[in-house]
Protein backbone atom coordinates (compact mmCIF):
# COMPACT_ATOMS: atom_id res chain seq x y z
CA MET A 1 -7.49 -83.17 29.19
CA THR A 2 -6.34 -80.72 26.50
CA THR A 3 -3.32 -78.59 27.40
CA THR A 4 -3.02 -75.26 25.66
CA ALA A 5 0.36 -74.83 23.98
CA PRO A 6 2.43 -71.85 25.16
CA TRP A 7 2.12 -68.79 22.94
CA PRO A 8 5.36 -68.24 20.94
CA ILE A 9 5.40 -64.48 21.52
CA THR A 10 9.06 -63.91 20.65
CA ARG A 11 8.80 -65.65 17.29
CA VAL A 12 5.45 -64.05 16.56
CA ARG A 13 6.82 -60.56 17.11
CA GLU A 14 9.86 -61.28 14.96
CA ARG A 15 7.55 -61.83 11.99
CA PHE A 16 6.11 -58.29 12.11
CA PRO A 17 8.43 -55.63 10.64
CA ALA A 18 6.46 -52.78 12.22
CA LEU A 19 7.09 -54.18 15.69
CA GLN A 20 10.85 -53.88 15.18
CA ARG A 21 10.79 -50.15 14.49
CA GLN A 22 11.53 -47.43 17.02
CA THR A 23 10.32 -43.88 17.39
CA ARG A 24 12.65 -41.00 16.59
CA SER A 25 13.37 -40.71 20.31
CA GLY A 26 14.53 -44.34 20.39
CA HIS A 27 11.49 -45.90 22.06
CA ARG A 28 10.03 -49.17 20.87
CA GLN A 29 6.65 -48.54 19.27
CA VAL A 30 3.66 -49.86 21.19
CA PHE A 31 0.79 -50.79 18.90
CA LEU A 32 -2.42 -50.80 20.94
CA ASP A 33 -4.36 -49.63 17.89
CA GLY A 34 -5.29 -53.17 16.81
CA PRO A 35 -9.09 -52.66 16.99
CA GLY A 36 -8.73 -50.23 14.10
CA GLY A 37 -6.48 -52.55 12.12
CA THR A 38 -3.54 -54.80 12.98
CA GLN A 39 0.00 -54.82 11.68
CA VAL A 40 0.92 -57.50 9.13
CA PRO A 41 3.62 -60.18 9.08
CA GLN A 42 6.42 -59.97 6.54
CA SER A 43 4.90 -62.94 4.72
CA VAL A 44 1.71 -60.99 4.00
CA SER A 45 3.40 -58.03 2.36
CA ALA A 46 5.77 -60.39 0.51
CA ALA A 47 2.85 -62.35 -0.92
CA MET A 48 1.19 -59.17 -2.16
CA VAL A 49 4.39 -57.97 -3.84
CA ARG A 50 5.05 -61.40 -5.33
CA TYR A 51 1.56 -61.49 -6.84
CA LEU A 52 1.97 -58.05 -8.40
CA HIS A 53 5.40 -58.93 -9.78
CA GLU A 54 4.66 -62.44 -11.05
CA SER A 55 0.95 -63.02 -11.59
CA ASN A 56 -0.75 -59.65 -11.94
CA SER A 57 -3.63 -60.29 -14.29
CA ASN A 58 -7.40 -60.30 -14.54
CA ILE A 59 -9.36 -63.52 -14.36
CA GLU A 60 -10.33 -66.27 -16.80
CA GLY A 61 -7.72 -65.59 -19.45
CA GLU A 62 -6.06 -68.25 -21.60
CA PHE A 63 -2.56 -67.62 -20.27
CA GLU A 64 -0.62 -68.51 -17.13
CA PRO A 65 -0.71 -65.28 -15.05
CA SER A 66 -4.49 -65.22 -15.45
CA ALA A 67 -4.74 -68.90 -14.54
CA ALA A 68 -2.60 -68.18 -11.46
CA THR A 69 -5.06 -65.47 -10.47
CA ASP A 70 -7.95 -67.92 -10.84
CA ARG A 71 -6.12 -70.38 -8.59
CA LEU A 72 -5.41 -67.66 -6.07
CA ILE A 73 -9.09 -66.70 -5.81
CA ALA A 74 -10.10 -70.34 -5.40
CA THR A 75 -7.52 -70.79 -2.64
CA ALA A 76 -8.69 -67.61 -0.92
CA ARG A 77 -12.27 -68.92 -0.87
CA GLU A 78 -11.15 -72.26 0.52
CA TYR A 79 -9.12 -70.60 3.25
CA ALA A 80 -11.94 -68.17 4.05
CA GLY A 81 -14.39 -71.04 4.34
CA ALA A 82 -12.02 -72.78 6.74
CA PHE A 83 -11.57 -69.54 8.69
CA VAL A 84 -15.30 -69.16 9.39
CA GLY A 85 -16.16 -72.87 9.47
CA GLY A 86 -18.50 -72.62 6.49
CA GLN A 87 -18.78 -73.46 2.82
CA ALA A 88 -16.12 -71.92 0.59
CA ASP A 89 -18.65 -71.33 -2.20
CA CYS A 90 -20.62 -69.02 0.11
CA ILE A 91 -17.71 -66.62 0.67
CA THR A 92 -17.81 -63.12 -0.80
CA PHE A 93 -14.86 -60.73 -0.90
CA GLY A 94 -15.05 -56.97 -1.14
CA GLN A 95 -13.47 -53.67 -0.22
CA ASN A 96 -14.39 -53.86 3.47
CA MET A 97 -17.11 -55.14 5.78
CA THR A 98 -19.27 -52.01 5.53
CA THR A 99 -19.26 -51.92 1.73
CA LEU A 100 -20.06 -55.63 1.57
CA ASN A 101 -22.84 -55.23 4.11
CA PHE A 102 -24.50 -52.44 2.13
CA ASN A 103 -24.43 -54.67 -0.94
CA LEU A 104 -25.81 -57.75 0.83
CA ILE A 105 -28.48 -55.77 2.66
CA ARG A 106 -29.70 -54.17 -0.56
CA ALA A 107 -30.07 -57.67 -2.00
CA LEU A 108 -32.00 -58.86 1.05
CA GLY A 109 -34.14 -55.74 0.94
CA ARG A 110 -35.71 -56.86 -2.33
CA THR A 111 -37.28 -59.75 -0.42
CA LEU A 112 -38.81 -57.59 2.35
CA ALA A 113 -42.19 -55.86 2.49
CA ALA A 114 -43.41 -52.61 3.99
CA GLY A 115 -43.90 -52.97 7.74
CA ASP A 116 -41.31 -55.73 8.14
CA GLU A 117 -39.05 -55.19 11.14
CA ILE A 118 -35.28 -55.17 11.62
CA ILE A 119 -33.60 -55.31 15.02
CA THR A 120 -30.17 -53.76 15.67
CA THR A 121 -28.38 -53.08 18.96
CA GLU A 122 -26.77 -50.18 20.81
CA LEU A 123 -23.57 -52.23 20.97
CA ASP A 124 -23.00 -52.28 17.23
CA HIS A 125 -20.66 -50.56 14.83
CA GLU A 126 -22.56 -48.37 12.37
CA GLY A 127 -21.54 -50.76 9.58
CA ASN A 128 -24.29 -53.08 10.83
CA VAL A 129 -26.75 -50.30 11.74
CA SER A 130 -26.77 -47.55 9.12
CA PRO A 131 -27.34 -49.88 6.13
CA TRP A 132 -30.50 -51.16 7.84
CA LEU A 133 -31.71 -47.62 8.61
CA LEU A 134 -31.24 -46.58 4.99
CA LEU A 135 -32.98 -49.71 3.76
CA ALA A 136 -35.86 -49.03 6.14
CA ALA A 137 -36.26 -45.52 4.77
CA ASP A 138 -36.30 -46.83 1.20
CA ARG A 139 -38.72 -49.71 1.77
CA ASP A 140 -40.89 -48.49 4.65
CA LEU A 141 -39.47 -50.94 7.17
CA VAL A 142 -39.30 -50.58 10.96
CA VAL A 143 -35.96 -50.65 12.80
CA ARG A 144 -35.92 -51.39 16.53
CA THR A 145 -32.84 -51.07 18.72
CA VAL A 146 -31.96 -53.36 21.61
CA ARG A 147 -30.55 -51.53 24.62
CA VAL A 148 -27.43 -52.35 26.57
CA ARG A 149 -27.25 -52.62 30.35
CA ASP A 150 -25.09 -50.39 32.51
CA ASP A 151 -22.19 -52.83 32.18
CA LEU A 152 -22.54 -52.59 28.38
CA THR A 153 -23.72 -56.15 27.96
CA LEU A 154 -26.71 -56.72 25.72
CA ASP A 155 -30.12 -56.57 27.41
CA MET A 156 -31.59 -59.90 26.33
CA ASP A 157 -34.94 -59.10 27.97
CA ASP A 158 -35.16 -56.05 25.74
CA LEU A 159 -34.39 -58.25 22.74
CA ASP A 160 -37.28 -60.53 23.69
CA ALA A 161 -39.58 -57.52 24.03
CA LYS A 162 -38.70 -56.30 20.54
CA LEU A 163 -38.95 -59.63 18.71
CA SER A 164 -42.26 -60.22 16.93
CA ASP A 165 -43.78 -62.13 14.05
CA ARG A 166 -42.84 -59.17 11.85
CA THR A 167 -39.13 -59.41 12.70
CA ARG A 168 -37.16 -60.40 9.62
CA VAL A 169 -33.55 -59.76 10.74
CA VAL A 170 -31.68 -59.49 14.03
CA ALA A 171 -28.42 -57.67 13.25
CA PHE A 172 -25.81 -57.74 16.01
CA THR A 173 -22.11 -57.75 16.73
CA LEU A 174 -20.21 -60.73 18.08
CA ALA A 175 -17.85 -58.41 19.97
CA SER A 176 -17.99 -54.67 20.57
CA ASN A 177 -15.33 -52.78 18.64
CA ALA A 178 -15.42 -50.04 21.30
CA VAL A 179 -15.43 -51.81 24.66
CA GLY A 180 -14.80 -55.50 23.93
CA THR A 181 -18.13 -56.92 25.14
CA LEU A 182 -18.95 -60.37 23.79
CA THR A 183 -22.56 -61.13 22.93
CA PRO A 184 -24.32 -64.49 23.44
CA ALA A 185 -24.42 -65.12 19.71
CA GLY A 186 -25.87 -68.63 19.77
CA GLU A 187 -28.71 -67.55 22.02
CA ILE A 188 -29.44 -64.44 19.94
CA ALA A 189 -29.53 -66.56 16.79
CA ARG A 190 -31.82 -69.11 18.44
CA ARG A 191 -34.31 -66.45 19.49
CA ALA A 192 -34.19 -64.83 16.06
CA HIS A 193 -34.87 -68.16 14.35
CA GLU A 194 -37.81 -68.88 16.68
CA VAL A 195 -39.70 -65.95 15.10
CA GLY A 196 -38.47 -66.76 11.59
CA ALA A 197 -35.83 -64.03 11.45
CA LEU A 198 -32.27 -64.10 10.15
CA ALA A 199 -29.28 -63.72 12.50
CA TRP A 200 -26.92 -61.23 10.80
CA ALA A 201 -23.58 -60.99 12.61
CA ASP A 202 -20.71 -58.50 12.49
CA ALA A 203 -17.58 -60.49 13.38
CA VAL A 204 -15.03 -57.73 12.68
CA ALA A 205 -14.02 -57.14 16.31
CA TYR A 206 -14.37 -60.84 17.14
CA ALA A 207 -12.22 -62.45 14.45
CA PRO A 208 -8.78 -61.37 15.76
CA HIS A 209 -9.53 -62.88 19.17
CA ARG A 210 -11.90 -65.83 18.83
CA ARG A 211 -12.30 -68.71 16.42
CA ILE A 212 -15.32 -68.19 14.17
CA ASN A 213 -17.58 -71.18 13.61
CA VAL A 214 -20.75 -70.26 11.75
CA THR A 215 -22.38 -73.58 12.62
CA ALA A 216 -21.81 -73.18 16.35
CA LEU A 217 -22.84 -69.53 16.22
CA GLY A 218 -26.02 -70.38 14.34
CA CYS A 219 -25.78 -67.25 12.22
CA ASP A 220 -27.14 -66.83 8.70
CA ALA A 221 -24.70 -64.10 7.68
CA VAL A 222 -21.27 -63.34 9.11
CA LEU A 223 -19.03 -60.49 7.99
CA CYS A 224 -15.46 -59.63 8.95
CA SER A 225 -12.40 -57.68 7.81
CA PRO A 226 -9.04 -59.42 7.26
CA TYR A 227 -7.16 -56.19 8.01
CA LYS A 228 -8.29 -56.67 11.62
CA PHE A 229 -6.63 -60.10 11.78
CA PHE A 230 -3.14 -59.50 10.36
CA GLY A 231 -4.11 -59.28 6.70
CA PRO A 232 -4.50 -56.51 4.10
CA HIS A 233 -7.37 -54.07 3.74
CA LEU A 234 -10.18 -56.31 2.56
CA GLY A 235 -13.67 -57.40 3.60
CA MET A 236 -15.29 -60.82 3.46
CA SER A 237 -18.61 -62.41 4.27
CA TRP A 238 -20.26 -65.79 4.50
CA LEU A 239 -23.94 -66.37 3.80
CA ARG A 240 -26.06 -69.41 4.53
CA PRO A 241 -26.06 -71.43 1.27
CA ASP A 242 -29.69 -70.82 0.29
CA LEU A 243 -29.24 -67.08 0.83
CA ALA A 244 -26.00 -67.01 -1.13
CA GLU A 245 -27.66 -68.83 -4.01
CA ASN A 246 -31.00 -67.03 -4.11
CA LEU A 247 -30.81 -63.43 -2.89
CA PRO A 248 -31.33 -61.06 -5.85
CA ALA A 249 -27.80 -59.68 -6.21
CA GLU A 250 -26.82 -56.49 -8.00
CA ARG A 251 -24.57 -57.51 -10.84
CA VAL A 252 -23.84 -56.98 -14.51
CA ARG A 253 -25.64 -59.31 -16.90
CA PRO A 254 -22.66 -61.34 -18.21
CA ALA A 255 -21.28 -62.07 -14.74
CA SER A 256 -21.19 -65.66 -13.57
CA ASN A 257 -23.50 -66.89 -10.80
CA LYS A 258 -20.97 -69.47 -9.60
CA PRO A 259 -19.76 -69.88 -6.99
CA ALA A 260 -22.72 -68.53 -5.04
CA GLY A 261 -20.69 -65.99 -3.07
CA HIS A 262 -19.30 -64.53 -6.29
CA ARG A 263 -22.77 -63.26 -7.14
CA PHE A 264 -22.23 -60.34 -4.74
CA GLU A 265 -18.74 -59.41 -5.98
CA THR A 266 -19.18 -56.45 -8.30
CA GLY A 267 -16.29 -55.86 -10.64
CA THR A 268 -12.66 -56.91 -10.29
CA LEU A 269 -11.42 -57.85 -6.85
CA SER A 270 -8.15 -56.70 -5.32
CA HIS A 271 -6.17 -59.78 -6.25
CA GLU A 272 -3.04 -58.60 -4.45
CA ALA A 273 -5.14 -58.24 -1.29
CA LEU A 274 -6.37 -61.80 -1.75
CA ALA A 275 -2.74 -62.94 -1.99
CA GLY A 276 -2.12 -61.15 1.29
CA PHE A 277 -5.21 -62.75 2.80
CA VAL A 278 -4.00 -66.24 1.88
CA ALA A 279 -0.66 -65.45 3.51
CA ALA A 280 -2.41 -64.08 6.61
CA ILE A 281 -4.37 -67.30 7.05
CA GLU A 282 -1.16 -69.30 6.61
CA TYR A 283 0.44 -67.09 9.26
CA LEU A 284 -2.46 -67.80 11.63
CA ALA A 285 -2.13 -71.50 10.88
CA ASP A 286 1.56 -71.38 11.79
CA PRO A 287 2.29 -68.24 13.83
CA ALA A 288 5.75 -69.38 14.90
CA GLY A 289 6.75 -70.01 11.27
CA GLU A 290 7.75 -73.59 11.88
CA HIS A 291 6.55 -75.00 8.56
CA ALA A 292 7.35 -74.11 4.97
CA ALA A 293 3.65 -73.66 4.19
CA GLY A 294 3.43 -70.90 6.80
CA GLY A 295 4.01 -68.27 4.15
CA GLN A 296 7.66 -67.60 4.96
CA ASN A 297 8.53 -67.19 1.29
CA GLY A 298 5.62 -64.93 0.48
CA GLY A 299 3.76 -67.56 -1.50
CA HIS A 300 0.15 -67.16 -2.54
CA ASP A 301 -0.85 -70.47 -4.10
CA GLY A 302 -1.86 -72.06 -0.80
CA GLY A 303 0.32 -74.37 1.24
CA TYR A 304 -2.50 -76.15 3.10
CA ASP A 305 -5.75 -77.87 2.29
CA ALA A 306 -8.87 -76.47 3.95
CA GLN A 307 -9.12 -79.23 6.55
CA THR A 308 -5.52 -78.72 7.63
CA VAL A 309 -6.09 -74.96 7.82
CA ALA A 310 -9.13 -75.42 10.04
CA ALA A 311 -7.32 -77.72 12.47
CA ALA A 312 -4.31 -75.40 12.64
CA LEU A 313 -6.54 -72.38 13.29
CA ASP A 314 -8.20 -74.26 16.15
CA ARG A 315 -4.81 -74.69 17.80
CA THR A 316 -3.67 -71.14 17.20
CA TYR A 317 -6.79 -69.52 18.57
CA GLN A 318 -6.78 -71.73 21.66
CA ALA A 319 -3.23 -70.64 22.46
CA SER A 320 -3.63 -66.98 21.52
CA GLN A 321 -6.86 -66.65 23.53
CA ALA A 322 -5.05 -67.80 26.66
CA TRP A 323 -2.24 -65.29 25.99
CA GLU A 324 -4.68 -62.42 25.37
CA THR A 325 -6.75 -63.25 28.45
CA ALA A 326 -3.65 -63.04 30.64
CA LEU A 327 -2.78 -59.71 29.02
CA ALA A 328 -6.32 -58.46 29.62
CA GLU A 329 -6.01 -59.31 33.30
CA HIS A 330 -2.72 -57.43 33.41
CA PHE A 331 -4.27 -54.44 31.63
CA LEU A 332 -7.20 -54.17 34.04
CA ALA A 333 -4.86 -54.32 37.02
CA ALA A 334 -2.49 -51.77 35.48
CA VAL A 335 -5.15 -49.10 34.88
CA ALA A 336 -7.24 -49.78 38.00
CA ASP A 337 -5.56 -47.15 40.19
CA ILE A 338 -5.00 -44.39 37.63
CA PRO A 339 -6.93 -41.34 38.86
CA GLY A 340 -9.77 -40.21 36.61
CA VAL A 341 -9.59 -43.27 34.34
CA ARG A 342 -12.44 -45.78 34.20
CA VAL A 343 -12.94 -48.89 32.08
CA ALA A 344 -16.26 -48.90 30.24
CA GLY A 345 -17.97 -52.26 29.86
CA PRO A 346 -17.18 -55.59 31.52
CA GLN A 347 -14.86 -55.13 34.51
CA THR A 348 -13.32 -58.54 34.01
CA ALA A 349 -10.90 -60.39 31.77
CA ASP A 350 -13.23 -63.41 31.64
CA ALA A 351 -12.81 -64.84 28.15
CA ASP A 352 -16.53 -65.62 27.97
CA LEU A 353 -17.48 -61.98 28.54
CA ARG A 354 -14.97 -59.85 26.68
CA VAL A 355 -12.06 -59.57 24.30
CA GLY A 356 -9.05 -57.38 24.99
CA THR A 357 -10.50 -54.18 23.54
CA PHE A 358 -10.79 -51.52 26.24
CA GLY A 359 -12.76 -48.30 26.05
CA LEU A 360 -11.55 -45.91 28.73
CA ILE A 361 -13.56 -43.00 30.12
CA LEU A 362 -11.33 -40.06 31.02
CA ASP A 363 -12.98 -37.95 33.69
CA GLU A 364 -10.58 -35.00 33.52
CA LEU A 365 -8.27 -35.44 30.55
CA ASP A 366 -9.17 -34.40 27.02
CA VAL A 367 -9.44 -37.62 25.02
CA THR A 368 -7.97 -36.28 21.78
CA ARG A 369 -5.04 -34.55 23.46
CA THR A 370 -4.34 -37.66 25.51
CA ALA A 371 -4.24 -39.90 22.43
CA ARG A 372 -1.95 -37.38 20.73
CA ALA A 373 0.37 -37.20 23.73
CA LEU A 374 0.57 -40.99 23.88
CA GLY A 375 1.27 -41.10 20.17
CA GLU A 376 4.20 -38.73 20.60
CA LEU A 377 5.63 -41.25 23.04
CA GLY A 378 5.26 -44.04 20.48
CA ILE A 379 2.18 -45.52 22.17
CA TYR A 380 -0.62 -45.86 19.62
CA THR A 381 -4.26 -45.82 20.69
CA TRP A 382 -7.54 -44.53 19.27
CA ASN A 383 -9.89 -41.80 20.41
CA GLY A 384 -13.49 -41.00 19.51
CA ASP A 385 -16.55 -43.15 18.91
CA PHE A 386 -15.03 -45.62 16.39
CA TYR A 387 -18.45 -45.66 14.65
CA ALA A 388 -19.86 -47.33 17.78
CA THR A 389 -22.40 -44.54 18.02
CA GLY A 390 -24.85 -46.38 20.25
CA VAL A 391 -22.23 -47.18 22.91
CA VAL A 392 -20.87 -43.63 23.10
CA GLU A 393 -24.34 -42.13 23.22
CA HIS A 394 -25.37 -44.59 25.94
CA LEU A 395 -22.37 -43.43 27.98
CA GLY A 396 -23.20 -39.76 27.32
CA LEU A 397 -19.75 -39.10 25.87
CA GLN A 398 -20.68 -37.85 22.40
CA ASP A 399 -19.90 -34.22 23.38
CA ARG A 400 -16.79 -35.08 25.39
CA GLY A 401 -14.69 -36.62 22.65
CA GLY A 402 -15.81 -40.20 23.20
CA LEU A 403 -13.51 -42.90 24.58
CA LEU A 404 -9.81 -43.59 24.62
CA ARG A 405 -9.46 -47.09 23.15
CA ALA A 406 -6.54 -49.45 23.72
CA GLY A 407 -6.65 -52.90 22.17
CA ILE A 408 -4.67 -56.05 22.81
CA VAL A 409 -3.98 -58.57 20.05
CA HIS A 410 -1.75 -61.58 20.16
CA TYR A 411 1.49 -59.78 19.31
CA ASN A 412 1.17 -57.47 22.35
CA THR A 413 3.09 -57.98 25.59
CA THR A 414 2.93 -57.02 29.26
CA GLU A 415 5.63 -54.46 28.50
CA ASP A 416 3.26 -52.81 26.02
CA VAL A 417 0.56 -52.64 28.67
CA ASP A 418 2.94 -51.24 31.29
CA ARG A 419 4.29 -48.57 28.92
CA PHE A 420 0.73 -47.47 28.22
CA ALA A 421 -0.40 -47.49 31.85
CA ASP A 422 2.69 -45.63 33.08
CA ALA A 423 2.33 -42.96 30.41
CA LEU A 424 -1.40 -42.53 31.03
CA ALA A 425 -0.81 -42.27 34.78
CA ALA A 426 1.82 -39.58 34.19
CA LEU A 427 -0.55 -37.62 31.97
CA SER A 428 -3.38 -37.86 34.47
């Protein structure tokens, strides 16, 4: 029997400078804004500064700072491959998930014909919806949308009804960025493959909470954003090897076609962000900072091999998932009796059904004013639709300011949850 290691919350929090700061009124800041982007450990910012001070150079030059940049990019690909459980050569980096997705979808679009069909879902962020709609308008494709049920889980019967021999892509999220719903990714991918379609997954809201394994998920494309899992503002993707090697990429003529994922990287990457990404993965591999390779010195050359990274990530995510699930249970109990406040989506902390992202419906309070009032107390949440247009429209909240969103990541505590719940109850 495998026993999950206890989560080292005190040491984890010590590694995040932002978590040590107080508001002007002397309150500890409560960061429940993680679904929009997490805070970063000291080692991440140190690695970015160290790169800019010591190795700042473009690639493929005949001098050491340039060679160091080449090594950094290679390490970043190796770590990214370990992070998603896929081939390092099939990793692409870019500005963010949405920008990368537009680029990849344009490439795929050159292989599609008029009348081909794309399936998206009401649960998705617009970053995995709008690019398909624009492609459909350009190439005379058909886009069909899978509905969600009243509990904001995906309606798999509706997916079956919309699949056909003309379906070429099923685009879906692994976890809702608005309400935390998990989707049955393996089953969606299986059904897509049965009709010859690609499974195209947005893992942005999933990656901070669950271990990605592209083989187990069965997906052909997976995209995520390191700034949602304790890294810098950056996007990355993995494509199935034959897609990475053969999709007609937009690129300048002299650019190299190797490795395969590089084919979709247009222009110079943010090398300092890649240094921060390497440090973020090393943080995740060693969140308590027990080992020298855990990025304590702000290094960016890579302290682990890919196999060691993968095994360490397995351990970290097992422990952090248990911590977050307990926090989610505490959150649901804490908000259950607040008048005029309802949780949208799964009414459970079951780790198979949701992550700790909570979209709250406020029956009486103004969502924007509530988020602002919480912010003045040093409690940071989000308000609006978060580009989850389908979810907010399904709930009929588009003219009422959308949802109030509070998100738990692994540096949060029960004290954070209680501060939020007490403040929201006072406001209501």
